[in-house]
Protein backbone atom coordinates (compact mmCIF):
# COMPACT_ATOMS: atom_id res chain seq x y z
CA MET A 1 4.52 16.83 -43.97
CA ARG A 2 1.60 19.03 -42.30
CA GLN A 3 1.66 19.67 -38.58
CA LEU A 4 -1.02 20.63 -36.48
CA PRO A 5 -1.03 23.93 -34.78
CA THR A 6 0.70 24.31 -31.46
CA GLU A 7 -2.62 25.47 -29.93
CA LYS A 8 -4.42 22.21 -31.04
CA ARG A 9 -1.57 20.04 -29.95
CA VAL A 10 -1.62 21.84 -26.49
CA MET A 11 -5.26 20.92 -26.36
CA ILE A 12 -4.74 17.27 -27.27
CA LEU A 13 -2.04 16.61 -24.78
CA ASN A 14 -4.00 18.51 -21.89
CA MET A 15 -6.71 16.43 -22.69
CA MET A 16 -4.60 13.20 -22.38
CA VAL A 17 -3.32 14.22 -18.77
CA GLU A 18 -6.83 14.97 -17.74
CA GLY A 19 -8.15 11.43 -18.29
CA MET A 20 -9.87 11.80 -21.61
CA SER A 21 -9.81 8.78 -23.97
CA MET A 22 -7.80 8.91 -27.32
CA ARG A 23 -10.84 8.36 -29.48
CA ALA A 24 -12.82 10.96 -27.42
CA ILE A 25 -10.03 13.63 -28.05
CA SER A 26 -10.00 12.54 -31.59
CA ARG A 27 -13.75 13.35 -32.03
CA THR A 28 -13.52 16.61 -29.89
CA VAL A 29 -10.52 18.23 -31.63
CA GLY A 30 -11.51 16.96 -34.96
CA CYS A 31 -8.43 15.12 -36.07
CA SER A 32 -7.71 11.51 -36.83
CA ILE A 33 -6.78 9.05 -34.24
CA ASN A 34 -3.44 8.18 -36.00
CA THR A 35 -2.69 12.02 -35.58
CA VAL A 36 -3.52 11.93 -31.84
CA THR A 37 -1.60 8.42 -31.44
CA LYS A 38 1.49 9.87 -33.18
CA LEU A 39 1.57 13.06 -30.90
CA LEU A 40 1.27 10.81 -28.01
CA VAL A 41 4.37 8.92 -29.11
CA ASP A 42 6.29 11.96 -30.01
CA ALA A 43 5.42 13.35 -26.64
CA GLY A 44 6.18 10.10 -24.77
CA ASN A 45 9.78 9.74 -26.25
CA ALA A 46 10.48 13.41 -25.67
CA CYS A 47 9.22 13.37 -21.95
CA ALA A 48 11.14 10.16 -21.29
CA ALA A 49 14.39 11.51 -22.30
CA TYR A 50 13.96 14.89 -20.45
CA HIS A 51 13.15 13.03 -17.20
CA ASP A 52 16.12 10.71 -17.69
CA GLU A 53 18.35 13.72 -18.23
CA HIS A 54 17.40 16.13 -15.71
CA VAL A 55 15.84 14.23 -12.78
CA ARG A 56 19.29 13.29 -11.27
CA ASN A 57 21.17 13.81 -8.01
CA VAL A 58 17.96 15.23 -6.37
CA LYS A 59 18.27 16.01 -2.59
CA VAL A 60 15.82 14.19 -0.67
CA SER A 61 15.27 12.70 2.65
CA ARG A 62 12.09 10.63 2.59
CA VAL A 63 10.96 8.38 -0.51
CA GLU A 64 7.98 6.25 -0.54
CA CYS A 65 7.54 3.31 -3.09
CA ASP A 66 4.58 1.50 -4.50
CA GLU A 67 3.12 -0.42 -7.49
CA ILE A 68 -0.13 -0.05 -9.22
CA TRP A 69 -1.74 -2.67 -11.54
CA SER A 70 -3.24 -2.30 -15.06
CA PHE A 71 -3.08 -4.33 -18.15
CA TRP A 72 -2.69 -4.10 -21.93
CA TYR A 73 -4.52 -5.69 -24.43
CA ALA A 74 -6.21 -8.01 -22.24
CA LYS A 75 -6.21 -9.05 -18.67
CA GLU A 76 -3.73 -11.81 -17.62
CA LYS A 77 -6.55 -14.30 -16.97
CA ASN A 78 -8.20 -13.59 -20.55
CA VAL A 79 -5.06 -13.79 -22.33
CA ALA A 80 -5.49 -17.25 -23.45
CA ASP A 81 -8.89 -16.69 -24.86
CA ALA A 82 -8.07 -13.45 -26.50
CA LYS A 83 -7.92 -12.99 -30.17
CA ALA A 84 -4.39 -12.89 -31.53
CA ALA A 85 -3.08 -11.86 -28.33
CA PRO A 86 0.42 -10.29 -28.76
CA ARG A 87 3.34 -11.76 -26.81
CA GLY A 88 3.59 -10.40 -23.46
CA ALA A 89 0.27 -8.90 -23.20
CA GLY A 90 -1.78 -9.14 -19.79
CA ASP A 91 -1.14 -7.58 -16.59
CA VAL A 92 1.44 -4.68 -16.27
CA TRP A 93 2.61 -2.85 -12.94
CA THR A 94 3.96 0.57 -12.73
CA TRP A 95 6.31 1.09 -9.84
CA THR A 96 6.93 4.63 -8.73
CA GLY A 97 9.25 6.39 -6.22
CA ILE A 98 7.94 9.56 -4.62
CA ASP A 99 9.70 12.07 -2.63
CA ALA A 100 7.48 12.55 0.40
CA ASP A 101 8.37 16.32 0.96
CA SER A 102 8.03 17.81 -2.57
CA LYS A 103 5.87 15.19 -3.99
CA MET A 104 8.06 14.65 -6.92
CA ILE A 105 8.09 11.43 -8.87
CA LEU A 106 11.70 10.32 -8.72
CA ALA A 107 11.56 7.23 -10.60
CA TYR A 108 9.21 4.89 -12.36
CA GLU A 109 9.42 1.57 -13.73
CA ILE A 110 7.04 -0.51 -15.93
CA GLY A 111 6.99 -4.41 -15.98
CA ASP A 112 5.86 -7.24 -13.93
CA ARG A 113 5.84 -7.72 -10.09
CA SER A 114 8.83 -10.00 -10.13
CA ALA A 115 12.14 -9.43 -8.06
CA GLU A 116 13.87 -8.56 -11.28
CA THR A 117 11.58 -5.64 -11.99
CA ALA A 118 12.04 -4.61 -8.33
CA TYR A 119 15.75 -4.80 -8.78
CA ASP A 120 15.51 -2.54 -12.01
CA PHE A 121 13.35 -0.06 -10.23
CA MET A 122 15.56 0.53 -7.17
CA LEU A 123 18.65 0.64 -9.59
CA ASN A 124 16.77 3.46 -11.41
CA LEU A 125 15.81 5.03 -8.10
CA ARG A 126 19.47 5.15 -6.84
CA ARG A 127 20.61 7.04 -10.08
CA ARG A 128 18.02 9.88 -9.23
CA ILE A 129 18.76 10.65 -5.64
CA ASP A 130 21.72 12.22 -3.84
CA GLY A 131 22.60 11.22 -0.35
CA ARG A 132 20.94 8.79 2.23
CA ILE A 133 17.27 8.49 2.66
CA GLN A 134 14.65 7.05 4.51
CA LEU A 135 12.70 4.45 2.33
CA THR A 136 9.19 3.07 2.94
CA THR A 137 7.56 0.33 0.97
CA ASP A 138 4.59 -1.90 1.28
CA GLY A 139 5.09 -5.52 2.43
CA HIS A 140 5.85 -6.97 -1.23
CA ARG A 141 8.83 -9.41 -0.71
CA ALA A 142 10.65 -8.43 -4.07
CA TYR A 143 11.56 -5.05 -2.48
CA LEU A 144 13.71 -6.71 0.36
CA GLU A 145 16.41 -8.36 -1.95
CA ALA A 146 16.19 -5.44 -4.49
CA VAL A 147 16.75 -2.69 -1.70
CA GLY A 148 19.63 -4.85 -0.21
CA LYS A 149 21.37 -5.30 -3.54
CA VAL A 150 21.34 -1.64 -4.71
CA PHE A 151 21.60 0.36 -1.56
CA GLY A 152 23.40 -2.14 0.93
CA ASP A 153 23.67 -0.29 4.39
CA GLU A 154 23.42 3.06 2.96
CA ILE A 155 19.79 3.47 3.45
CA ASP A 156 17.34 3.64 6.48
CA TYR A 157 14.58 1.19 5.12
CA ALA A 158 11.03 -0.02 6.63
CA GLN A 159 8.17 -1.84 5.36
CA LEU A 160 4.54 -0.96 6.15
CA ILE A 161 2.43 -4.02 6.05
CA LYS A 162 -1.17 -3.51 5.66
CA GLN A 163 -3.93 -6.12 6.83
CA TYR A 164 -7.12 -6.29 5.13
CA GLY A 165 -10.52 -7.60 5.73
CA GLU A 166 -13.90 -7.62 3.77
CA PRO A 167 -15.52 -4.15 3.69
CA ARG A 168 -18.30 -3.66 6.06
CA GLY A 169 -21.78 -2.82 5.20
CA THR A 170 -21.47 -4.09 1.58
CA ALA A 171 -23.52 -6.53 0.12
CA LYS A 172 -21.84 -9.96 -1.04
CA HIS A 173 -22.73 -9.23 -4.81
CA GLU A 174 -21.12 -5.76 -4.62
CA ARG A 175 -17.79 -6.71 -2.95
CA LYS A 176 -15.84 -7.09 -6.45
CA TYR A 177 -16.59 -3.17 -6.92
CA SER A 178 -15.31 -2.30 -3.34
CA PRO A 179 -11.74 -2.25 -2.27
CA ALA A 180 -10.88 -4.45 0.68
CA GLU A 181 -10.78 -2.54 4.08
CA CYS A 182 -7.63 -1.97 5.90
CA THR A 183 -8.05 -3.47 9.27
CA GLY A 184 -4.47 -2.54 10.62
CA THR A 185 -0.90 -2.00 9.94
CA LYS A 186 2.31 -3.32 10.93
CA LYS A 187 5.77 -1.19 10.67
CA HIS A 188 8.77 -3.57 9.96
CA ILE A 189 12.28 -2.27 10.33
CA VAL A 190 14.48 -3.69 7.61
CA SER A 191 17.78 -1.96 7.74
CA GLY A 192 19.26 1.30 9.19
CA ASP A 193 17.53 3.57 11.76
CA PRO A 194 14.35 4.73 10.08
CA VAL A 195 12.10 7.18 12.01
CA GLU A 196 9.28 5.07 12.87
CA ASP A 197 6.77 7.98 12.98
CA LEU A 198 7.87 8.75 9.24
CA VAL A 199 7.10 5.16 7.98
CA SER A 200 4.25 5.92 5.71
CA THR A 201 3.09 5.11 2.24
CA SER A 202 0.22 7.58 2.14
CA TYR A 203 1.66 9.88 -0.35
CA VAL A 204 2.61 7.35 -3.07
CA GLU A 205 -0.94 5.74 -2.49
CA ARG A 206 -2.60 9.12 -3.10
CA GLN A 207 -0.29 9.31 -6.32
CA ASN A 208 -1.91 6.05 -7.43
CA LEU A 209 -5.25 7.55 -7.38
CA SER A 210 -4.02 10.65 -9.15
CA MET A 211 -2.69 8.15 -11.94
CA ARG A 212 -6.24 6.54 -12.16
CA MET A 213 -7.87 9.90 -12.63
CA GLY A 214 -5.49 11.44 -14.89
CA MET A 215 -4.83 8.64 -17.46
CA ARG A 216 -8.12 7.00 -19.05
CA ARG A 217 -6.04 3.77 -19.64
CA PHE A 218 -5.77 3.16 -15.91
CA THR A 219 -9.68 3.27 -15.41
CA ARG A 220 -11.00 0.12 -13.79
CA LEU A 221 -13.99 -1.76 -14.79
CA THR A 222 -14.21 -0.15 -18.22
CA ASN A 223 -13.00 -1.10 -21.64
CA ALA A 224 -10.33 1.90 -21.29
CA PHE A 225 -7.28 0.00 -21.46
CA SER A 226 -3.93 0.00 -23.33
CA LYS A 227 -3.93 -1.83 -26.64
CA LYS A 228 -0.17 -1.46 -27.15
CA LEU A 229 2.31 -1.61 -24.34
CA GLN A 230 4.41 1.29 -26.07
CA ASN A 231 1.43 3.55 -25.87
CA HIS A 232 0.93 2.74 -22.32
CA LEU A 233 4.79 3.59 -21.68
CA HIS A 234 4.44 6.89 -23.70
CA MET A 235 1.36 8.00 -21.74
CA LEU A 236 3.11 7.36 -18.34
CA SER A 237 6.20 9.44 -19.48
CA LEU A 238 4.03 12.18 -20.60
CA TYR A 239 2.05 12.13 -17.35
CA PHE A 240 4.82 12.15 -14.91
CA LEU A 241 6.56 14.99 -16.73
CA HIS A 242 3.55 17.02 -16.82
CA TYR A 243 3.02 16.20 -13.10
CA ASN A 244 6.35 17.14 -12.04
CA PHE A 245 7.10 20.11 -14.10
CA VAL A 246 3.88 21.59 -15.28
CA ARG A 247 1.11 20.77 -12.85
CA ILE A 248 1.00 23.05 -9.74
CA HIS A 249 0.50 21.18 -6.42
CA LYS A 250 -2.49 22.32 -4.64
CA THR A 251 -0.70 22.08 -1.16
CA LEU A 252 2.86 23.31 -2.09
CA LYS A 253 1.46 26.06 -4.56
CA VAL A 254 4.46 25.08 -6.77
CA THR A 255 5.15 22.18 -9.06
CA PRO A 256 7.00 19.19 -7.42
CA ALA A 257 10.09 19.83 -9.45
CA MET A 258 10.18 23.38 -8.09
CA ALA A 259 9.79 22.11 -4.70
CA ALA A 260 12.39 19.57 -4.88
CA GLY A 261 15.02 22.39 -6.50
CA VAL A 262 15.08 20.71 -9.81
CA THR A 263 13.95 23.70 -11.58
CA ASP A 264 13.16 27.06 -10.45
CA SER A 265 10.66 27.73 -13.36
CA LEU A 266 7.05 27.15 -14.06
CA HIS A 267 6.55 25.24 -17.11
CA ASP A 268 3.48 24.70 -19.42
CA MET A 269 2.27 22.39 -22.00
CA GLU A 270 3.86 24.49 -24.70
CA TRP A 271 7.04 23.70 -23.15
CA ILE A 272 6.46 20.03 -23.74
CA ILE A 273 5.48 20.65 -27.23
CA ALA A 274 8.88 22.57 -27.60
CA LEU A 275 10.72 19.24 -26.27
CA ILE A 276 9.02 17.43 -28.92
CA ASP A 277 9.98 19.79 -31.69
CA ALA A 278 13.60 19.93 -30.58
CA ARG A 279 13.79 16.16 -31.18
CA ALA A 280 12.14 16.17 -34.58
CA PRO A 281 14.37 15.70 -37.51
CA LYS A 282 15.15 18.70 -39.40
CA PRO A 283 13.89 18.90 -43.04
CA LYS A 284 16.18 18.07 -45.69
CA LYS A 285 17.32 20.63 -48.19
CA ARG A 286 15.78 20.27 -51.64
CA GLY A 287 18.52 20.31 -54.55
CA PRO A 288 18.22 22.58 -57.40
CA TYR A 289 15.44 21.82 -59.82
CA LYS A 290 16.59 19.72 -62.99
CA LYS A 291 14.40 19.78 -65.91
CA LYS A 292 14.17 16.24 -67.31
CA ALA A 293 15.33 15.83 -70.86
CA LEU A 294 12.75 14.69 -73.23
């Protein structure tokens, strides 16, 4: 089976993590959309496996968590009227946990906004870190039970509850395009002894913006959404591994993985291509040619 040259595969993956759509990549690079999609699937599988194996026992002190909304196939409110909507189509939430010091994404979970997904996310986060941490989340109630079940008393946990109002100076017909204005915050200590001055979700919220800028399928008010949930998951796996191990953080001057001590090497997109190729099945040996009897 023919394979794209490494240079072209690097170009395609770089375009993906810079917010370019799949079909735009196909037109720009000059290959079929099926080829682009297959490369995304292969990259997603390789990146998810590497993250799961290597992002473990990370020494951190402060973690911020949040959820970001997107959808696949159709928005939740439109699923009933959508043509041949697959089961489970609609809103999908991506839960992320970021190290406030190294800016490394420690754990992520994709699902709904329920208590069950919150528990799975916290269980995932617990497997990634080493030692006691100070955790900050927003005021979503699902966190309370999930954090208690997974961490118990071995955590300093606080919630930052934001209060919102209508954006000022915005015409009524434009308000749906403008985010609500934060009018105040309240810090709620849940367990342990968190340092109140460090109770913040600023870094993880800034990461939400990076995700919307870096993945076309997260762009709002457009038709740039995921048509399949699995492709949504693959793109997230590629994005997070690239963000952690390849992309140099402007403030830290190193990658988040280097700042967290997970690696001492600066990786590039060719490294991700090597991860993909390492997982590819080896070609089978061909047997001796036998001439058919007439």
